Amino acid sequence: MVKLRTTAKDQTADEFVNQMADKPYGSGEDERLERITISVRGSVFDKLDDIVRKRKRAKQANRTMSALVIEAVEFYLENKA
């Protein structure tokens, strides 16, 4: 006997999409994300990649390249600016 999967009503799906479309990301204007593109020397990239791989293995915070770069920039701004 084949059992068919039940599907949500179209109206319910539309309501969900509308709720998610209006949902803000982050906690406010200060938390918005802006995309940047950077180029670094190969040796710098290799060092960053090593740190990311170690963090992934250890299941530590900031396990992506972008999260690590954000962490480094925030640290720099807090301590050097």
N, C-alpha and C. Protein backbone atom coordinates (compact mmCIF):
# COMPACT_ATOMS: atom_id res chain seq x y z
N MET A 1 0.84 -1.18 0.00
CA MET A 1 0.00 0.00 0.00
C MET A 1 0.88 1.25 0.00
N VAL A 2 0.61 2.16 -0.90
CA VAL A 2 1.37 3.40 -1.00
C VAL A 2 0.62 4.49 -0.25
N LYS A 3 1.36 5.16 0.61
CA LYS A 3 0.76 6.24 1.39
C LYS A 3 1.26 7.57 0.84
N LEU A 4 0.35 8.42 0.45
CA LEU A 4 0.71 9.72 -0.10
C LEU A 4 1.04 10.70 1.01
N ARG A 5 2.04 11.46 0.77
CA ARG A 5 2.43 12.47 1.75
C ARG A 5 1.39 13.58 1.75
N THR A 6 1.06 14.06 2.91
CA THR A 6 0.11 15.17 2.98
C THR A 6 0.86 16.47 2.75
N THR A 7 0.22 17.41 2.10
CA THR A 7 0.85 18.70 1.82
C THR A 7 0.08 19.79 2.54
N ALA A 8 0.77 20.87 2.83
CA ALA A 8 0.14 22.01 3.48
C ALA A 8 -0.77 22.71 2.50
N LYS A 9 -1.78 23.34 3.02
CA LYS A 9 -2.69 24.10 2.16
C LYS A 9 -1.95 25.28 1.56
N ASP A 10 -2.35 25.66 0.35
CA ASP A 10 -1.69 26.78 -0.31
C ASP A 10 -1.80 28.06 0.50
N GLN A 11 -2.92 28.28 1.14
CA GLN A 11 -3.11 29.48 1.94
C GLN A 11 -2.13 29.50 3.10
N THR A 12 -1.92 28.36 3.76
CA THR A 12 -0.99 28.28 4.88
C THR A 12 0.43 28.55 4.41
N ALA A 13 0.80 28.01 3.28
CA ALA A 13 2.14 28.24 2.73
C ALA A 13 2.33 29.71 2.40
N ASP A 14 1.33 30.33 1.80
CA ASP A 14 1.43 31.76 1.48
C ASP A 14 1.57 32.61 2.73
N GLU A 15 0.85 32.27 3.79
CA GLU A 15 0.95 33.00 5.05
C GLU A 15 2.37 32.89 5.61
N PHE A 16 2.93 31.69 5.55
CA PHE A 16 4.28 31.48 6.06
C PHE A 16 5.29 32.30 5.26
N VAL A 17 5.17 32.30 3.95
CA VAL A 17 6.09 33.07 3.10
C VAL A 17 5.98 34.55 3.42
N ASN A 18 4.78 35.05 3.59
CA ASN A 18 4.60 36.46 3.90
C ASN A 18 5.20 36.82 5.27
N GLN A 19 5.06 35.93 6.25
CA GLN A 19 5.66 36.18 7.56
C GLN A 19 7.18 36.23 7.45
N MET A 20 7.76 35.30 6.72
CA MET A 20 9.21 35.24 6.61
C MET A 20 9.76 36.41 5.79
N ALA A 21 9.03 36.88 4.81
CA ALA A 21 9.48 37.98 3.96
C ALA A 21 9.57 39.27 4.77
N ASP A 22 8.72 39.43 5.76
CA ASP A 22 8.72 40.65 6.56
C ASP A 22 9.59 40.55 7.81
N LYS A 23 10.20 39.39 8.04
CA LYS A 23 11.00 39.18 9.24
C LYS A 23 12.35 39.87 9.07
N PRO A 24 12.72 40.75 10.02
CA PRO A 24 14.01 41.43 9.92
C PRO A 24 15.14 40.50 10.32
N TYR A 25 16.30 40.71 9.73
CA TYR A 25 17.48 39.95 10.10
C TYR A 25 18.25 40.74 11.14
N GLY A 26 18.81 40.07 12.12
CA GLY A 26 19.54 40.74 13.18
C GLY A 26 18.60 41.43 14.14
N SER A 27 19.16 42.23 15.01
CA SER A 27 18.34 42.87 16.04
C SER A 27 18.09 44.35 15.75
N GLY A 28 18.57 44.85 14.65
CA GLY A 28 18.32 46.25 14.34
C GLY A 28 19.22 46.77 13.25
N GLU A 29 19.19 48.07 13.08
CA GLU A 29 19.97 48.70 12.01
C GLU A 29 21.46 48.49 12.19
N ASP A 30 21.93 48.47 13.44
CA ASP A 30 23.36 48.29 13.68
C ASP A 30 23.84 46.90 13.32
N GLU A 31 22.94 45.95 13.22
CA GLU A 31 23.31 44.57 12.95
C GLU A 31 23.22 44.19 11.48
N ARG A 32 23.04 45.15 10.60
CA ARG A 32 22.93 44.80 9.18
C ARG A 32 24.28 44.31 8.67
N LEU A 33 24.25 43.48 7.68
CA LEU A 33 25.47 42.94 7.08
C LEU A 33 25.69 43.57 5.72
N GLU A 34 26.90 43.93 5.46
CA GLU A 34 27.29 44.47 4.16
C GLU A 34 28.35 43.54 3.58
N ARG A 35 28.25 43.30 2.30
CA ARG A 35 29.18 42.40 1.62
C ARG A 35 30.39 43.18 1.13
N ILE A 36 31.58 42.62 1.37
CA ILE A 36 32.82 43.20 0.84
C ILE A 36 33.62 42.08 0.19
N THR A 37 34.52 42.46 -0.68
CA THR A 37 35.42 41.51 -1.31
C THR A 37 36.84 41.98 -1.05
N ILE A 38 37.68 41.07 -0.59
CA ILE A 38 39.07 41.43 -0.32
C ILE A 38 39.99 40.43 -1.01
N SER A 39 41.20 40.87 -1.24
CA SER A 39 42.24 39.99 -1.76
C SER A 39 43.38 40.00 -0.76
N VAL A 40 43.93 38.84 -0.46
CA VAL A 40 45.05 38.74 0.47
C VAL A 40 46.14 37.90 -0.17
N ARG A 41 47.37 38.09 0.34
CA ARG A 41 48.48 37.25 -0.14
C ARG A 41 48.18 35.79 0.17
N GLY A 42 48.76 34.92 -0.59
CA GLY A 42 48.56 33.49 -0.41
C GLY A 42 48.98 33.01 0.97
N SER A 43 50.07 33.58 1.50
CA SER A 43 50.54 33.17 2.82
C SER A 43 49.55 33.56 3.91
N VAL A 44 48.91 34.73 3.76
CA VAL A 44 47.89 35.16 4.74
C VAL A 44 46.67 34.24 4.64
N PHE A 45 46.26 33.95 3.42
CA PHE A 45 45.12 33.06 3.22
C PHE A 45 45.39 31.69 3.84
N ASP A 46 46.59 31.16 3.64
CA ASP A 46 46.93 29.85 4.19
C ASP A 46 46.86 29.85 5.71
N LYS A 47 47.33 30.93 6.35
CA LYS A 47 47.26 31.03 7.81
C LYS A 47 45.81 31.09 8.28
N LEU A 48 44.99 31.89 7.60
CA LEU A 48 43.57 31.97 7.95
C LEU A 48 42.89 30.62 7.76
N ASP A 49 43.21 29.95 6.66
CA ASP A 49 42.61 28.64 6.39
C ASP A 49 43.00 27.62 7.46
N ASP A 50 44.25 27.65 7.92
CA ASP A 50 44.68 26.75 9.00
C ASP A 50 43.87 27.00 10.27
N ILE A 51 43.67 28.27 10.61
CA ILE A 51 42.91 28.60 11.81
C ILE A 51 41.47 28.11 11.69
N VAL A 52 40.86 28.33 10.52
CA VAL A 52 39.48 27.89 10.29
C VAL A 52 39.38 26.37 10.42
N ARG A 53 40.30 25.64 9.83
CA ARG A 53 40.28 24.17 9.91
C ARG A 53 40.43 23.68 11.34
N LYS A 54 41.32 24.31 12.13
CA LYS A 54 41.50 23.93 13.53
C LYS A 54 40.23 24.19 14.33
N ARG A 55 39.59 25.33 14.07
CA ARG A 55 38.36 25.66 14.78
C ARG A 55 37.23 24.71 14.41
N LYS A 56 37.18 24.31 13.15
CA LYS A 56 36.14 23.36 12.74
C LYS A 56 36.33 22.02 13.43
N ARG A 57 37.57 21.55 13.49
CA ARG A 57 37.85 20.27 14.16
C ARG A 57 37.52 20.34 15.64
N ALA A 58 37.80 21.48 16.26
CA ALA A 58 37.57 21.65 17.70
C ALA A 58 36.14 22.12 18.00
N LYS A 59 35.34 22.36 16.96
CA LYS A 59 33.96 22.84 17.08
C LYS A 59 33.89 24.12 17.90
N GLN A 60 34.82 25.02 17.60
CA GLN A 60 34.86 26.33 18.26
C GLN A 60 34.04 27.34 17.47
N ALA A 61 33.89 28.51 18.04
CA ALA A 61 33.15 29.58 17.38
C ALA A 61 33.93 30.11 16.17
N ASN A 62 33.20 30.80 15.29
CA ASN A 62 33.78 31.43 14.10
C ASN A 62 34.57 30.42 13.26
N ARG A 63 33.84 29.43 12.73
CA ARG A 63 34.46 28.35 11.98
C ARG A 63 34.45 28.56 10.48
N THR A 64 34.05 29.75 10.03
CA THR A 64 34.09 30.04 8.60
C THR A 64 35.11 31.14 8.35
N MET A 65 35.56 31.23 7.13
CA MET A 65 36.55 32.25 6.78
C MET A 65 35.97 33.65 7.03
N SER A 66 34.73 33.88 6.62
CA SER A 66 34.15 35.22 6.80
C SER A 66 33.99 35.55 8.27
N ALA A 67 33.57 34.58 9.10
CA ALA A 67 33.43 34.84 10.53
C ALA A 67 34.78 35.16 11.17
N LEU A 68 35.82 34.47 10.73
CA LEU A 68 37.15 34.73 11.26
C LEU A 68 37.64 36.12 10.88
N VAL A 69 37.42 36.52 9.64
CA VAL A 69 37.84 37.84 9.19
C VAL A 69 37.06 38.92 9.92
N ILE A 70 35.75 38.71 10.12
CA ILE A 70 34.94 39.67 10.87
C ILE A 70 35.48 39.80 12.30
N GLU A 71 35.79 38.66 12.93
CA GLU A 71 36.36 38.68 14.28
C GLU A 71 37.65 39.49 14.32
N ALA A 72 38.51 39.27 13.34
CA ALA A 72 39.80 39.96 13.30
C ALA A 72 39.62 41.47 13.09
N VAL A 73 38.71 41.85 12.20
CA VAL A 73 38.48 43.27 11.94
C VAL A 73 37.88 43.94 13.18
N GLU A 74 36.91 43.30 13.82
CA GLU A 74 36.31 43.86 15.04
C GLU A 74 37.36 44.01 16.13
N PHE A 75 38.22 43.01 16.30
CA PHE A 75 39.29 43.09 17.30
C PHE A 75 40.22 44.27 16.99
N TYR A 76 40.59 44.40 15.73
CA TYR A 76 41.46 45.50 15.32
C TYR A 76 40.82 46.85 15.62
N LEU A 77 39.55 47.00 15.25
CA LEU A 77 38.87 48.27 15.47
C LEU A 77 38.73 48.62 16.95
N GLU A 78 38.51 47.62 17.78
CA GLU A 78 38.37 47.85 19.21
C GLU A 78 39.71 48.21 19.86
N ASN A 79 40.81 47.68 19.34
CA ASN A 79 42.10 47.86 19.99
C ASN A 79 43.03 48.86 19.32
N LYS A 80 42.81 49.17 18.08
CA LYS A 80 43.72 50.06 17.35
C LYS A 80 43.09 51.38 16.97
N ALA A 81 41.80 51.44 16.90
CA ALA A 81 41.15 52.66 16.41
C ALA A 81 40.96 53.69 17.51
